[in-house]
Amino acid sequence: MAILQVLHYPDPRLRNTAAPVDKVDGEVGQLVDDMFQTMYEAPGIGLAAIQVNVPRRVIVIDISNDRSEPLCFINPVVTRRDGLEVMEEGCLSVPGIYDEVERANEIEVQALDRNGKPFTMTASGLLGVCIQHEIDHLDGKLFVDYLSEVKRGRIRKKMEKLRRQTL
């Protein structure tokens, strides 16, 4: 397993659209393992392959406190959305920034697991928000896109300054 480099906003590669996974094989399994290790090391509760510059439709999530509930979604598709809720979100690609985002309160998602087996899951609360957040990444969208233009501009400047300081 390897820790992968997480891209930071406003890196243009975060705006790429991820391609579907045609075949769940050893290469995809290795990517999933590396993504979990990267997410746990960060630490975070969700990670999309696009965030580690792999434009494939793969996300990993674990919202447990003890890393005991790892979930892998390959080619995820939200098939149902109900209600609305507002929750504070953050992102490994926008470190140190948190803001409220409105999303569906409950979703149904279809995907393949790490073995290529199809499954359907209903999720709400933090898990539902996390799934929606990570699927957005696969479509080139970040949580800051839900914020006002003024807030996005401030965040962009802050992230660019942080990047210059670390070079």
N, C-alpha and C. Protein backbone atom coordinates (compact mmCIF):
# COMPACT_ATOMS: atom_id res chain seq x y z
N MET A 1 0.84 -1.19 0.00
CA MET A 1 0.00 0.00 0.00
C MET A 1 0.88 1.24 0.00
N ALA A 2 0.31 2.32 -0.49
CA ALA A 2 1.06 3.57 -0.60
C ALA A 2 0.16 4.74 -0.23
N ILE A 3 0.79 5.77 0.31
CA ILE A 3 0.07 7.01 0.57
C ILE A 3 0.20 7.86 -0.68
N LEU A 4 -0.93 8.26 -1.22
CA LEU A 4 -0.97 9.02 -2.46
C LEU A 4 -1.02 10.52 -2.16
N GLN A 5 -0.58 11.32 -3.11
CA GLN A 5 -0.63 12.77 -2.94
C GLN A 5 -2.04 13.26 -3.23
N VAL A 6 -2.60 14.02 -2.29
CA VAL A 6 -3.93 14.59 -2.45
C VAL A 6 -3.79 15.96 -3.13
N LEU A 7 -4.53 16.14 -4.23
CA LEU A 7 -4.52 17.42 -4.93
C LEU A 7 -5.27 18.46 -4.09
N HIS A 8 -4.79 19.70 -4.13
CA HIS A 8 -5.42 20.78 -3.37
C HIS A 8 -6.03 21.82 -4.30
N TYR A 9 -7.22 22.28 -3.92
CA TYR A 9 -7.90 23.37 -4.61
C TYR A 9 -6.97 24.57 -4.64
N PRO A 10 -6.84 25.29 -5.75
CA PRO A 10 -7.64 25.22 -6.98
C PRO A 10 -6.99 24.42 -8.10
N ASP A 11 -6.27 23.35 -7.80
CA ASP A 11 -5.63 22.54 -8.84
C ASP A 11 -6.67 22.18 -9.91
N PRO A 12 -6.42 22.51 -11.18
CA PRO A 12 -7.41 22.26 -12.24
C PRO A 12 -7.73 20.78 -12.45
N ARG A 13 -6.85 19.88 -12.02
CA ARG A 13 -7.12 18.44 -12.18
C ARG A 13 -8.32 17.99 -11.35
N LEU A 14 -8.65 18.77 -10.29
CA LEU A 14 -9.83 18.45 -9.48
C LEU A 14 -11.12 18.67 -10.26
N ARG A 15 -11.04 19.38 -11.38
CA ARG A 15 -12.22 19.66 -12.20
C ARG A 15 -12.44 18.61 -13.29
N ASN A 16 -11.54 17.63 -13.38
CA ASN A 16 -11.71 16.56 -14.36
C ASN A 16 -12.91 15.69 -14.00
N THR A 17 -13.51 15.09 -15.00
CA THR A 17 -14.59 14.14 -14.78
C THR A 17 -14.00 12.74 -14.83
N ALA A 18 -14.32 11.95 -13.83
CA ALA A 18 -13.77 10.59 -13.74
C ALA A 18 -14.47 9.65 -14.71
N ALA A 19 -13.71 8.74 -15.29
CA ALA A 19 -14.23 7.74 -16.21
C ALA A 19 -14.71 6.51 -15.44
N PRO A 20 -15.76 5.84 -15.92
CA PRO A 20 -16.21 4.61 -15.26
C PRO A 20 -15.12 3.54 -15.26
N VAL A 21 -15.18 2.70 -14.26
CA VAL A 21 -14.28 1.55 -14.16
C VAL A 21 -14.92 0.44 -14.99
N ASP A 22 -14.19 -0.06 -16.00
CA ASP A 22 -14.71 -1.11 -16.87
C ASP A 22 -14.65 -2.48 -16.22
N LYS A 23 -13.57 -2.70 -15.47
CA LYS A 23 -13.35 -4.03 -14.89
C LYS A 23 -12.73 -3.85 -13.51
N VAL A 24 -13.34 -4.47 -12.51
CA VAL A 24 -12.78 -4.43 -11.17
C VAL A 24 -11.75 -5.56 -11.08
N ASP A 25 -10.47 -5.15 -11.07
CA ASP A 25 -9.38 -6.12 -11.08
C ASP A 25 -8.38 -5.78 -9.98
N GLY A 26 -7.22 -6.40 -10.04
CA GLY A 26 -6.19 -6.17 -9.04
C GLY A 26 -5.70 -4.73 -9.00
N GLU A 27 -5.65 -4.09 -10.15
CA GLU A 27 -5.22 -2.69 -10.21
C GLU A 27 -6.20 -1.79 -9.46
N VAL A 28 -7.50 -2.04 -9.66
CA VAL A 28 -8.52 -1.26 -8.95
C VAL A 28 -8.46 -1.58 -7.45
N GLY A 29 -8.26 -2.84 -7.11
CA GLY A 29 -8.12 -3.23 -5.71
C GLY A 29 -6.95 -2.53 -5.04
N GLN A 30 -5.83 -2.42 -5.74
CA GLN A 30 -4.67 -1.71 -5.20
C GLN A 30 -4.98 -0.23 -5.02
N LEU A 31 -5.68 0.36 -5.99
CA LEU A 31 -6.07 1.76 -5.87
C LEU A 31 -6.95 1.95 -4.64
N VAL A 32 -7.92 1.07 -4.43
CA VAL A 32 -8.80 1.17 -3.26
C VAL A 32 -7.98 1.09 -1.97
N ASP A 33 -7.06 0.13 -1.89
CA ASP A 33 -6.22 -0.01 -0.69
C ASP A 33 -5.39 1.26 -0.45
N ASP A 34 -4.80 1.78 -1.51
CA ASP A 34 -3.98 3.00 -1.38
C ASP A 34 -4.84 4.20 -0.98
N MET A 35 -6.06 4.26 -1.52
CA MET A 35 -6.95 5.37 -1.16
C MET A 35 -7.36 5.29 0.31
N PHE A 36 -7.65 4.09 0.80
CA PHE A 36 -7.97 3.96 2.23
C PHE A 36 -6.80 4.41 3.09
N GLN A 37 -5.60 3.94 2.75
CA GLN A 37 -4.42 4.31 3.53
C GLN A 37 -4.21 5.83 3.50
N THR A 38 -4.38 6.43 2.35
CA THR A 38 -4.23 7.88 2.19
C THR A 38 -5.28 8.62 3.01
N MET A 39 -6.52 8.18 2.93
CA MET A 39 -7.62 8.82 3.66
C MET A 39 -7.39 8.73 5.17
N TYR A 40 -7.02 7.55 5.65
CA TYR A 40 -6.80 7.38 7.09
C TYR A 40 -5.62 8.21 7.58
N GLU A 41 -4.57 8.28 6.77
CA GLU A 41 -3.37 9.03 7.14
C GLU A 41 -3.65 10.53 7.21
N ALA A 42 -4.56 11.02 6.41
CA ALA A 42 -4.77 12.47 6.24
C ALA A 42 -5.09 13.26 7.52
N PRO A 43 -5.95 12.93 8.42
CA PRO A 43 -7.01 11.93 8.38
C PRO A 43 -8.29 12.53 7.80
N GLY A 44 -9.07 11.64 7.17
CA GLY A 44 -10.34 12.07 6.59
C GLY A 44 -11.35 10.96 6.69
N ILE A 45 -12.58 11.23 6.20
CA ILE A 45 -13.65 10.22 6.24
C ILE A 45 -14.11 9.82 4.84
N GLY A 46 -13.56 10.47 3.82
CA GLY A 46 -13.93 10.12 2.45
C GLY A 46 -12.86 10.59 1.48
N LEU A 47 -12.73 9.89 0.37
CA LEU A 47 -11.75 10.25 -0.64
C LEU A 47 -12.21 9.72 -1.99
N ALA A 48 -12.12 10.57 -2.99
CA ALA A 48 -12.44 10.17 -4.37
C ALA A 48 -11.14 10.02 -5.15
N ALA A 49 -11.11 9.09 -6.08
CA ALA A 49 -9.89 8.83 -6.85
C ALA A 49 -9.40 10.09 -7.57
N ILE A 50 -10.32 10.92 -8.01
CA ILE A 50 -9.93 12.15 -8.72
C ILE A 50 -9.05 13.03 -7.82
N GLN A 51 -9.25 12.95 -6.50
CA GLN A 51 -8.47 13.76 -5.56
C GLN A 51 -7.01 13.33 -5.49
N VAL A 52 -6.73 12.11 -5.92
CA VAL A 52 -5.35 11.62 -5.95
C VAL A 52 -4.89 11.47 -7.41
N ASN A 53 -5.52 12.27 -8.27
CA ASN A 53 -5.17 12.37 -9.68
C ASN A 53 -5.32 11.05 -10.45
N VAL A 54 -6.34 10.29 -10.06
CA VAL A 54 -6.70 9.08 -10.79
C VAL A 54 -8.14 9.29 -11.26
N PRO A 55 -8.33 9.61 -12.53
CA PRO A 55 -9.67 9.94 -13.03
C PRO A 55 -10.55 8.71 -13.27
N ARG A 56 -10.81 7.96 -12.21
CA ARG A 56 -11.67 6.77 -12.26
C ARG A 56 -12.79 6.95 -11.25
N ARG A 57 -13.93 6.35 -11.49
CA ARG A 57 -15.11 6.53 -10.62
C ARG A 57 -15.02 5.57 -9.43
N VAL A 58 -14.16 5.93 -8.48
CA VAL A 58 -13.93 5.14 -7.28
C VAL A 58 -13.92 6.09 -6.08
N ILE A 59 -14.69 5.74 -5.04
CA ILE A 59 -14.63 6.50 -3.78
C ILE A 59 -14.52 5.53 -2.62
N VAL A 60 -13.87 6.00 -1.56
CA VAL A 60 -13.80 5.24 -0.31
C VAL A 60 -14.29 6.15 0.81
N ILE A 61 -14.94 5.52 1.79
CA ILE A 61 -15.52 6.26 2.91
C ILE A 61 -15.42 5.41 4.16
N ASP A 62 -15.16 6.05 5.29
CA ASP A 62 -15.27 5.40 6.60
C ASP A 62 -15.58 6.49 7.61
N ILE A 63 -16.83 6.55 8.04
CA ILE A 63 -17.24 7.60 8.98
C ILE A 63 -17.11 7.16 10.44
N SER A 64 -16.64 5.92 10.68
CA SER A 64 -16.50 5.43 12.05
C SER A 64 -15.32 6.12 12.74
N ASN A 65 -15.35 6.14 14.05
CA ASN A 65 -14.25 6.73 14.82
C ASN A 65 -13.04 5.82 14.89
N ASP A 66 -13.25 4.52 14.69
CA ASP A 66 -12.17 3.55 14.87
C ASP A 66 -11.76 2.85 13.57
N ARG A 67 -12.14 3.43 12.43
CA ARG A 67 -11.77 2.89 11.11
C ARG A 67 -12.28 1.47 10.89
N SER A 68 -13.46 1.19 11.45
CA SER A 68 -13.99 -0.17 11.39
C SER A 68 -15.11 -0.35 10.35
N GLU A 69 -15.45 0.71 9.61
CA GLU A 69 -16.55 0.61 8.65
C GLU A 69 -16.15 1.10 7.26
N PRO A 70 -15.08 0.53 6.69
CA PRO A 70 -14.64 0.97 5.36
C PRO A 70 -15.66 0.60 4.28
N LEU A 71 -15.99 1.59 3.47
CA LEU A 71 -16.93 1.39 2.37
C LEU A 71 -16.25 1.80 1.06
N CYS A 72 -16.44 1.00 0.04
CA CYS A 72 -15.89 1.29 -1.28
C CYS A 72 -17.05 1.33 -2.27
N PHE A 73 -17.07 2.37 -3.08
CA PHE A 73 -18.10 2.54 -4.11
C PHE A 73 -17.40 2.71 -5.46
N ILE A 74 -17.63 1.78 -6.35
CA ILE A 74 -17.07 1.86 -7.69
C ILE A 74 -18.22 2.14 -8.66
N ASN A 75 -18.05 3.15 -9.51
CA ASN A 75 -19.10 3.59 -10.43
C ASN A 75 -20.40 3.94 -9.69
N PRO A 76 -20.32 4.71 -8.60
CA PRO A 76 -21.54 5.02 -7.84
C PRO A 76 -22.48 5.95 -8.61
N VAL A 77 -23.79 5.69 -8.43
CA VAL A 77 -24.84 6.51 -9.03
C VAL A 77 -25.93 6.71 -7.98
N VAL A 78 -26.28 7.96 -7.72
CA VAL A 78 -27.40 8.24 -6.83
C VAL A 78 -28.68 8.05 -7.63
N THR A 79 -29.53 7.14 -7.16
CA THR A 79 -30.77 6.82 -7.88
C THR A 79 -32.00 7.47 -7.25
N ARG A 80 -31.86 7.98 -6.02
CA ARG A 80 -32.97 8.64 -5.36
C ARG A 80 -32.43 9.65 -4.36
N ARG A 81 -33.10 10.82 -4.31
CA ARG A 81 -32.79 11.86 -3.34
C ARG A 81 -34.09 12.29 -2.68
N ASP A 82 -34.08 12.41 -1.36
CA ASP A 82 -35.26 12.87 -0.63
C ASP A 82 -34.86 13.93 0.39
N GLY A 83 -35.69 14.95 0.54
CA GLY A 83 -35.52 15.96 1.56
C GLY A 83 -34.26 16.79 1.37
N LEU A 84 -34.08 17.71 2.28
CA LEU A 84 -32.89 18.56 2.29
C LEU A 84 -32.38 18.71 3.70
N GLU A 85 -31.08 18.82 3.83
CA GLU A 85 -30.47 19.11 5.12
C GLU A 85 -29.22 19.94 4.88
N VAL A 86 -28.85 20.69 5.90
CA VAL A 86 -27.64 21.50 5.85
C VAL A 86 -26.66 20.92 6.85
N MET A 87 -25.43 20.67 6.40
CA MET A 87 -24.40 20.13 7.27
C MET A 87 -23.08 20.80 6.95
N GLU A 88 -22.25 20.99 7.98
CA GLU A 88 -20.93 21.56 7.76
C GLU A 88 -20.05 20.51 7.09
N GLU A 89 -19.36 20.92 6.03
CA GLU A 89 -18.47 20.02 5.31
C GLU A 89 -17.06 20.59 5.26
N GLY A 90 -16.12 19.68 5.14
CA GLY A 90 -14.73 20.01 4.88
C GLY A 90 -14.26 19.06 3.80
N CYS A 91 -13.00 19.20 3.41
CA CYS A 91 -12.51 18.39 2.29
C CYS A 91 -10.98 18.28 2.37
N LEU A 92 -10.47 17.09 2.11
CA LEU A 92 -9.01 16.91 2.11
C LEU A 92 -8.34 17.74 1.03
N SER A 93 -9.08 18.10 -0.02
CA SER A 93 -8.51 18.92 -1.09
C SER A 93 -8.63 20.42 -0.81
N VAL A 94 -9.32 20.77 0.27
CA VAL A 94 -9.45 22.17 0.69
C VAL A 94 -9.19 22.19 2.20
N PRO A 95 -7.95 21.87 2.61
CA PRO A 95 -7.66 21.68 4.04
C PRO A 95 -7.89 22.94 4.87
N GLY A 96 -8.49 22.70 6.04
CA GLY A 96 -8.70 23.79 6.99
C GLY A 96 -9.92 24.65 6.71
N ILE A 97 -10.66 24.34 5.67
CA ILE A 97 -11.84 25.14 5.31
C ILE A 97 -13.09 24.30 5.57
N TYR A 98 -14.05 24.91 6.27
CA TYR A 98 -15.32 24.24 6.58
C TYR A 98 -16.45 25.23 6.35
N ASP A 99 -17.56 24.75 5.79
CA ASP A 99 -18.72 25.61 5.61
C ASP A 99 -19.95 24.73 5.44
N GLU A 100 -21.10 25.35 5.62
CA GLU A 100 -22.36 24.63 5.51
C GLU A 100 -22.78 24.47 4.05
N VAL A 101 -23.26 23.26 3.74
CA VAL A 101 -23.71 22.93 2.39
C VAL A 101 -25.07 22.24 2.51
N GLU A 102 -25.98 22.56 1.60
CA GLU A 102 -27.28 21.92 1.57
C GLU A 102 -27.25 20.75 0.59
N ARG A 103 -27.67 19.60 1.08
CA ARG A 103 -27.70 18.39 0.25
C ARG A 103 -28.98 17.61 0.57
N ALA A 104 -29.21 16.55 -0.20
CA ALA A 104 -30.34 15.67 0.08
C ALA A 104 -30.19 15.05 1.46
N ASN A 105 -31.31 14.92 2.17
CA ASN A 105 -31.31 14.33 3.50
C ASN A 105 -31.11 12.82 3.46
N GLU A 106 -31.68 12.20 2.43
CA GLU A 106 -31.54 10.75 2.29
C GLU A 106 -31.34 10.43 0.81
N ILE A 107 -30.46 9.49 0.55
CA ILE A 107 -30.19 9.08 -0.83
C ILE A 107 -30.22 7.56 -0.94
N GLU A 108 -30.38 7.11 -2.17
CA GLU A 108 -30.15 5.72 -2.49
C GLU A 108 -29.06 5.71 -3.54
N VAL A 109 -28.07 4.87 -3.36
CA VAL A 109 -26.94 4.82 -4.28
C VAL A 109 -26.72 3.38 -4.74
N GLN A 110 -26.40 3.24 -6.02
CA GLN A 110 -26.04 1.94 -6.58
C GLN A 110 -24.57 2.01 -6.99
N ALA A 111 -23.86 0.93 -6.74
CA ALA A 111 -22.42 0.90 -7.06
C ALA A 111 -21.96 -0.55 -7.11
N LEU A 112 -20.67 -0.69 -7.40
CA LEU A 112 -20.00 -1.99 -7.28
C LEU A 112 -19.12 -1.93 -6.04
N ASP A 113 -18.98 -3.06 -5.33
CA ASP A 113 -18.06 -3.09 -4.20
C ASP A 113 -16.65 -3.40 -4.71
N ARG A 114 -15.71 -3.53 -3.80
CA ARG A 114 -14.31 -3.73 -4.19
C ARG A 114 -14.08 -5.04 -4.93
N ASN A 115 -15.05 -5.95 -4.88
CA ASN A 115 -14.95 -7.21 -5.61
C ASN A 115 -15.73 -7.20 -6.91
N GLY A 116 -16.32 -6.04 -7.25
CA GLY A 116 -17.08 -5.91 -8.48
C GLY A 116 -18.52 -6.35 -8.37
N LYS A 117 -18.99 -6.63 -7.15
CA LYS A 117 -20.36 -7.06 -6.93
C LYS A 117 -21.28 -5.85 -6.78
N PRO A 118 -22.39 -5.81 -7.56
CA PRO A 118 -23.31 -4.68 -7.46
C PRO A 118 -24.04 -4.66 -6.11
N PHE A 119 -24.30 -3.45 -5.61
CA PHE A 119 -25.10 -3.31 -4.39
C PHE A 119 -25.85 -1.99 -4.44
N THR A 120 -26.89 -1.92 -3.63
CA THR A 120 -27.68 -0.71 -3.45
C THR A 120 -27.70 -0.39 -1.97
N MET A 121 -27.56 0.90 -1.65
CA MET A 121 -27.54 1.32 -0.25
C MET A 121 -28.39 2.57 -0.09
N THR A 122 -29.11 2.64 1.01
CA THR A 122 -29.81 3.86 1.39
C THR A 122 -28.99 4.49 2.50
N ALA A 123 -28.75 5.80 2.39
CA ALA A 123 -27.90 6.48 3.38
C ALA A 123 -28.48 7.85 3.70
N SER A 124 -28.30 8.25 4.95
CA SER A 124 -28.73 9.57 5.39
C SER A 124 -27.69 10.10 6.38
N GLY A 125 -27.92 11.31 6.88
CA GLY A 125 -27.01 11.88 7.85
C GLY A 125 -25.61 12.05 7.27
N LEU A 126 -24.61 11.87 8.12
CA LEU A 126 -23.22 12.07 7.71
C LEU A 126 -22.83 11.16 6.55
N LEU A 127 -23.25 9.90 6.58
CA LEU A 127 -22.88 8.98 5.50
C LEU A 127 -23.47 9.44 4.17
N GLY A 128 -24.73 9.84 4.18
CA GLY A 128 -25.37 10.31 2.95
C GLY A 128 -24.69 11.55 2.40
N VAL A 129 -24.34 12.48 3.28
CA VAL A 129 -23.64 13.71 2.86
C VAL A 129 -22.28 13.36 2.29
N CYS A 130 -21.57 12.46 2.96
CA CYS A 130 -20.22 12.08 2.51
C CYS A 130 -20.28 11.42 1.13
N ILE A 131 -21.25 10.55 0.90
CA ILE A 131 -21.37 9.90 -0.41
C ILE A 131 -21.62 10.96 -1.48
N GLN A 132 -22.54 11.89 -1.22
CA GLN A 132 -22.84 12.93 -2.20
C GLN A 132 -21.62 13.80 -2.47
N HIS A 133 -20.88 14.15 -1.41
CA HIS A 133 -19.67 14.97 -1.52
C HIS A 133 -18.63 14.28 -2.42
N GLU A 134 -18.41 13.00 -2.17
CA GLU A 134 -17.39 12.27 -2.93
C GLU A 134 -17.82 12.04 -4.38
N ILE A 135 -19.10 11.77 -4.62
CA ILE A 135 -19.58 11.61 -6.00
C ILE A 135 -19.42 12.92 -6.74
N ASP A 136 -19.66 14.05 -6.06
CA ASP A 136 -19.42 15.35 -6.70
C ASP A 136 -18.00 15.43 -7.23
N HIS A 137 -17.02 14.97 -6.44
CA HIS A 137 -15.62 15.00 -6.90
C HIS A 137 -15.46 14.27 -8.23
N LEU A 138 -16.15 13.14 -8.37
CA LEU A 138 -16.03 12.35 -9.60
C LEU A 138 -16.54 13.12 -10.81
N ASP A 139 -17.39 14.11 -10.54
CA ASP A 139 -17.96 14.94 -11.61
C ASP A 139 -17.27 16.30 -11.71
N GLY A 140 -16.11 16.45 -11.03
CA GLY A 140 -15.35 17.69 -11.12
C GLY A 140 -15.91 18.82 -10.29
N LYS A 141 -16.70 18.50 -9.28
CA LYS A 141 -17.34 19.52 -8.45
C LYS A 141 -16.82 19.41 -7.02
N LEU A 142 -16.57 20.56 -6.39
CA LEU A 142 -16.10 20.61 -5.01
C LEU A 142 -17.14 21.28 -4.13
N PHE A 143 -17.06 21.04 -2.82
CA PHE A 143 -18.05 21.61 -1.92
C PHE A 143 -18.02 23.13 -1.95
N VAL A 144 -16.89 23.74 -2.28
CA VAL A 144 -16.83 25.20 -2.35
C VAL A 144 -17.70 25.74 -3.49
N ASP A 145 -18.06 24.90 -4.45
CA ASP A 145 -18.93 25.34 -5.55
C ASP A 145 -20.34 25.65 -5.06
N TYR A 146 -20.70 25.15 -3.89
CA TYR A 146 -22.01 25.42 -3.30
C TYR A 146 -22.03 26.75 -2.54
N LEU A 147 -20.86 27.35 -2.35
CA LEU A 147 -20.75 28.58 -1.58
C LEU A 147 -20.88 29.80 -2.49
N SER A 148 -21.01 30.94 -1.89
CA SER A 148 -21.12 32.18 -2.68
C SER A 148 -19.81 32.44 -3.42
N GLU A 149 -19.92 33.23 -4.48
CA GLU A 149 -18.74 33.58 -5.27
C GLU A 149 -17.70 34.30 -4.41
N VAL A 150 -18.15 35.13 -3.49
CA VAL A 150 -17.25 35.87 -2.60
C VAL A 150 -16.48 34.90 -1.70
N LYS A 151 -17.19 33.94 -1.09
CA LYS A 151 -16.53 32.96 -0.23
C LYS A 151 -15.53 32.12 -1.02
N ARG A 152 -15.95 31.69 -2.22
CA ARG A 152 -15.05 30.89 -3.08
C ARG A 152 -13.78 31.66 -3.41
N GLY A 153 -13.94 32.95 -3.71
CA GLY A 153 -12.78 33.78 -4.02
C GLY A 153 -11.82 33.88 -2.85
N ARG A 154 -12.36 34.06 -1.65
CA ARG A 154 -11.51 34.13 -0.45
C ARG A 154 -10.78 32.81 -0.22
N ILE A 155 -11.50 31.72 -0.38
CA ILE A 155 -10.91 30.39 -0.17
C ILE A 155 -9.81 30.15 -1.20
N ARG A 156 -10.07 30.49 -2.45
CA ARG A 156 -9.07 30.32 -3.52
C ARG A 156 -7.79 31.09 -3.18
N LYS A 157 -7.93 32.36 -2.77
CA LYS A 157 -6.76 33.17 -2.41
C LYS A 157 -6.00 32.56 -1.24
N LYS A 158 -6.74 32.10 -0.24
CA LYS A 158 -6.10 31.48 0.92
C LYS A 158 -5.34 30.22 0.52
N MET A 159 -5.94 29.38 -0.33
CA MET A 159 -5.30 28.14 -0.75
C MET A 159 -4.08 28.42 -1.64
N GLU A 160 -4.17 29.42 -2.52
CA GLU A 160 -3.03 29.78 -3.37
C GLU A 160 -1.88 30.31 -2.52
N LYS A 161 -2.18 31.11 -1.49
CA LYS A 161 -1.15 31.63 -0.60
C LYS A 161 -0.49 30.49 0.16
N LEU A 162 -1.29 29.56 0.66
CA LEU A 162 -0.78 28.40 1.38
C LEU A 162 0.15 27.58 0.48
N ARG A 163 -0.25 27.40 -0.79
CA ARG A 163 0.56 26.65 -1.74
C ARG A 163 1.92 27.32 -1.97
N ARG A 164 1.90 28.64 -2.14
CA ARG A 164 3.16 29.39 -2.35
C ARG A 164 4.09 29.25 -1.14
N GLN A 165 3.51 29.23 0.05
CA GLN A 165 4.32 29.14 1.27
C GLN A 165 4.95 27.77 1.43
N THR A 166 4.33 26.74 0.86
CA THR A 166 4.87 25.38 1.01
C THR A 166 5.81 24.98 -0.12
N LEU A 167 5.95 25.84 -1.14
CA LEU A 167 6.86 25.52 -2.26
C LEU A 167 8.29 25.82 -1.91
